[in-house]
Amino acid sequence: MNLKLKFRRIEKGLTQFQLAELIGATNQTISEYERGRVKPSYDNMKKISEILDTPVGELFFDEK
């Protein structure tokens, strides 16, 4: 489960649908990322980290 991604998204005031639109994906895809069922491509990781203003490592690799 990727709680950092979920909490950061909520903190930024975005719904799964809104984040999905911003990266060109579906809200189901964001749900899968947050549940840890699917790992995003590096391209999507980069897009999400820029939108959420959080380093890729912190969001997806347990780095601080």
N, C-alpha and C. Protein backbone atom coordinates (compact mmCIF):
# COMPACT_ATOMS: atom_id res chain seq x y z
N MET A 1 0.84 -1.18 0.00
CA MET A 1 0.00 0.00 0.00
C MET A 1 0.89 1.25 0.00
N ASN A 2 0.56 2.20 -0.84
CA ASN A 2 1.36 3.42 -0.91
C ASN A 2 0.60 4.56 -0.24
N LEU A 3 0.71 4.61 1.07
CA LEU A 3 0.00 5.65 1.82
C LEU A 3 0.61 7.03 1.59
N LYS A 4 1.92 7.09 1.33
CA LYS A 4 2.54 8.39 1.07
C LYS A 4 1.92 9.06 -0.15
N LEU A 5 1.72 8.28 -1.18
CA LEU A 5 1.11 8.81 -2.39
C LEU A 5 -0.31 9.30 -2.10
N LYS A 6 -1.08 8.49 -1.42
CA LYS A 6 -2.46 8.85 -1.12
C LYS A 6 -2.53 10.10 -0.24
N PHE A 7 -1.75 10.13 0.84
CA PHE A 7 -1.79 11.28 1.75
C PHE A 7 -1.30 12.55 1.07
N ARG A 8 -0.27 12.44 0.24
CA ARG A 8 0.26 13.61 -0.46
C ARG A 8 -0.78 14.14 -1.45
N ARG A 9 -1.45 13.23 -2.15
CA ARG A 9 -2.49 13.63 -3.11
C ARG A 9 -3.61 14.37 -2.39
N ILE A 10 -4.06 13.82 -1.27
CA ILE A 10 -5.13 14.46 -0.50
C ILE A 10 -4.66 15.80 0.05
N GLU A 11 -3.42 15.83 0.54
CA GLU A 11 -2.85 17.07 1.07
C GLU A 11 -2.83 18.18 0.02
N LYS A 12 -2.61 17.80 -1.22
CA LYS A 12 -2.61 18.77 -2.33
C LYS A 12 -4.02 19.10 -2.81
N GLY A 13 -5.03 18.45 -2.24
CA GLY A 13 -6.41 18.74 -2.58
C GLY A 13 -6.87 18.13 -3.89
N LEU A 14 -6.25 17.02 -4.28
CA LEU A 14 -6.60 16.37 -5.54
C LEU A 14 -7.35 15.08 -5.30
N THR A 15 -8.32 14.81 -6.14
CA THR A 15 -8.98 13.50 -6.13
C THR A 15 -8.16 12.56 -7.01
N GLN A 16 -8.46 11.28 -6.92
CA GLN A 16 -7.80 10.31 -7.80
C GLN A 16 -8.07 10.67 -9.26
N PHE A 17 -9.29 11.06 -9.54
CA PHE A 17 -9.68 11.42 -10.89
C PHE A 17 -8.86 12.61 -11.40
N GLN A 18 -8.70 13.63 -10.57
CA GLN A 18 -7.96 14.82 -10.98
C GLN A 18 -6.48 14.50 -11.23
N LEU A 19 -5.88 13.72 -10.33
CA LEU A 19 -4.48 13.34 -10.54
C LEU A 19 -4.34 12.51 -11.80
N ALA A 20 -5.26 11.61 -12.01
CA ALA A 20 -5.23 10.77 -13.21
C ALA A 20 -5.29 11.62 -14.47
N GLU A 21 -6.17 12.59 -14.49
CA GLU A 21 -6.27 13.47 -15.66
C GLU A 21 -4.96 14.20 -15.92
N LEU A 22 -4.31 14.65 -14.86
CA LEU A 22 -3.07 15.40 -14.99
C LEU A 22 -1.92 14.57 -15.56
N ILE A 23 -1.95 13.25 -15.33
CA ILE A 23 -0.87 12.42 -15.87
C ILE A 23 -1.31 11.61 -17.09
N GLY A 24 -2.57 11.75 -17.49
CA GLY A 24 -3.06 11.04 -18.67
C GLY A 24 -3.38 9.58 -18.39
N ALA A 25 -3.95 9.32 -17.22
CA ALA A 25 -4.30 7.95 -16.83
C ALA A 25 -5.76 7.93 -16.37
N THR A 26 -6.19 6.81 -15.83
CA THR A 26 -7.55 6.70 -15.29
C THR A 26 -7.49 6.75 -13.77
N ASN A 27 -8.63 7.06 -13.16
CA ASN A 27 -8.65 7.07 -11.70
C ASN A 27 -8.42 5.65 -11.15
N GLN A 28 -8.80 4.64 -11.90
CA GLN A 28 -8.54 3.25 -11.50
C GLN A 28 -7.02 3.01 -11.42
N THR A 29 -6.28 3.59 -12.33
CA THR A 29 -4.83 3.45 -12.32
C THR A 29 -4.25 4.05 -11.04
N ILE A 30 -4.71 5.24 -10.67
CA ILE A 30 -4.23 5.89 -9.45
C ILE A 30 -4.59 5.03 -8.24
N SER A 31 -5.79 4.49 -8.23
CA SER A 31 -6.21 3.60 -7.16
C SER A 31 -5.27 2.40 -7.05
N GLU A 32 -4.91 1.82 -8.17
CA GLU A 32 -3.99 0.67 -8.18
C GLU A 32 -2.62 1.06 -7.65
N TYR A 33 -2.14 2.26 -8.01
CA TYR A 33 -0.85 2.74 -7.48
C TYR A 33 -0.93 2.88 -5.97
N GLU A 34 -2.00 3.49 -5.50
CA GLU A 34 -2.13 3.74 -4.06
C GLU A 34 -2.29 2.45 -3.27
N ARG A 35 -2.89 1.46 -3.85
CA ARG A 35 -3.07 0.17 -3.18
C ARG A 35 -1.83 -0.71 -3.28
N GLY A 36 -0.86 -0.29 -4.09
CA GLY A 36 0.37 -1.05 -4.25
C GLY A 36 0.22 -2.26 -5.15
N ARG A 37 -0.84 -2.32 -5.88
CA ARG A 37 -1.08 -3.46 -6.78
C ARG A 37 -0.30 -3.31 -8.09
N VAL A 38 -0.07 -2.06 -8.48
CA VAL A 38 0.65 -1.77 -9.72
C VAL A 38 1.69 -0.70 -9.42
N LYS A 39 2.88 -0.88 -9.94
CA LYS A 39 3.92 0.13 -9.79
C LYS A 39 3.89 1.00 -11.05
N PRO A 40 3.88 2.31 -10.88
CA PRO A 40 3.83 3.18 -12.06
C PRO A 40 5.12 3.11 -12.88
N SER A 41 5.01 3.43 -14.14
CA SER A 41 6.20 3.56 -14.97
C SER A 41 7.02 4.72 -14.42
N TYR A 42 8.31 4.76 -14.76
CA TYR A 42 9.13 5.86 -14.26
C TYR A 42 8.58 7.19 -14.76
N ASP A 43 8.09 7.22 -15.99
CA ASP A 43 7.52 8.45 -16.54
C ASP A 43 6.36 8.94 -15.68
N ASN A 44 5.47 8.04 -15.30
CA ASN A 44 4.34 8.42 -14.44
C ASN A 44 4.81 8.78 -13.04
N MET A 45 5.82 8.08 -12.53
CA MET A 45 6.37 8.44 -11.22
C MET A 45 6.87 9.89 -11.24
N LYS A 46 7.58 10.22 -12.30
CA LYS A 46 8.13 11.58 -12.43
C LYS A 46 7.02 12.62 -12.51
N LYS A 47 6.00 12.35 -13.32
CA LYS A 47 4.88 13.29 -13.45
C LYS A 47 4.17 13.49 -12.10
N ILE A 48 3.90 12.38 -11.42
CA ILE A 48 3.21 12.46 -10.12
C ILE A 48 4.06 13.21 -9.11
N SER A 49 5.35 12.94 -9.08
CA SER A 49 6.21 13.61 -8.10
C SER A 49 6.25 15.11 -8.36
N GLU A 50 6.23 15.52 -9.62
CA GLU A 50 6.23 16.95 -9.94
C GLU A 50 4.91 17.60 -9.53
N ILE A 51 3.81 16.93 -9.79
CA ILE A 51 2.48 17.46 -9.44
C ILE A 51 2.34 17.57 -7.92
N LEU A 52 2.82 16.56 -7.21
CA LEU A 52 2.68 16.53 -5.76
C LEU A 52 3.85 17.21 -5.04
N ASP A 53 4.80 17.70 -5.82
CA ASP A 53 5.95 18.42 -5.27
C ASP A 53 6.67 17.59 -4.19
N THR A 54 6.92 16.33 -4.54
CA THR A 54 7.56 15.39 -3.64
C THR A 54 8.52 14.53 -4.47
N PRO A 55 9.75 14.31 -3.98
CA PRO A 55 10.70 13.50 -4.75
C PRO A 55 10.18 12.10 -5.06
N VAL A 56 10.56 11.59 -6.22
CA VAL A 56 10.17 10.25 -6.64
C VAL A 56 10.54 9.22 -5.57
N GLY A 57 11.75 9.30 -5.07
CA GLY A 57 12.21 8.34 -4.06
C GLY A 57 11.35 8.32 -2.82
N GLU A 58 10.92 9.48 -2.41
CA GLU A 58 10.09 9.56 -1.20
C GLU A 58 8.70 8.97 -1.42
N LEU A 59 8.15 9.18 -2.60
CA LEU A 59 6.81 8.68 -2.90
C LEU A 59 6.78 7.17 -3.20
N PHE A 60 7.81 6.70 -3.90
CA PHE A 60 7.73 5.34 -4.42
C PHE A 60 8.80 4.37 -3.92
N PHE A 61 9.82 4.85 -3.23
CA PHE A 61 10.91 3.98 -2.83
C PHE A 61 11.29 4.10 -1.36
N ASP A 62 10.43 4.62 -0.52
CA ASP A 62 10.68 4.75 0.91
C ASP A 62 11.90 5.58 1.27
N GLU A 63 12.28 6.51 0.41
CA GLU A 63 13.39 7.40 0.70
C GLU A 63 12.83 8.70 1.26
N LYS A 64 13.61 9.37 2.11
CA LYS A 64 13.17 10.64 2.68
C LYS A 64 13.99 11.78 2.18
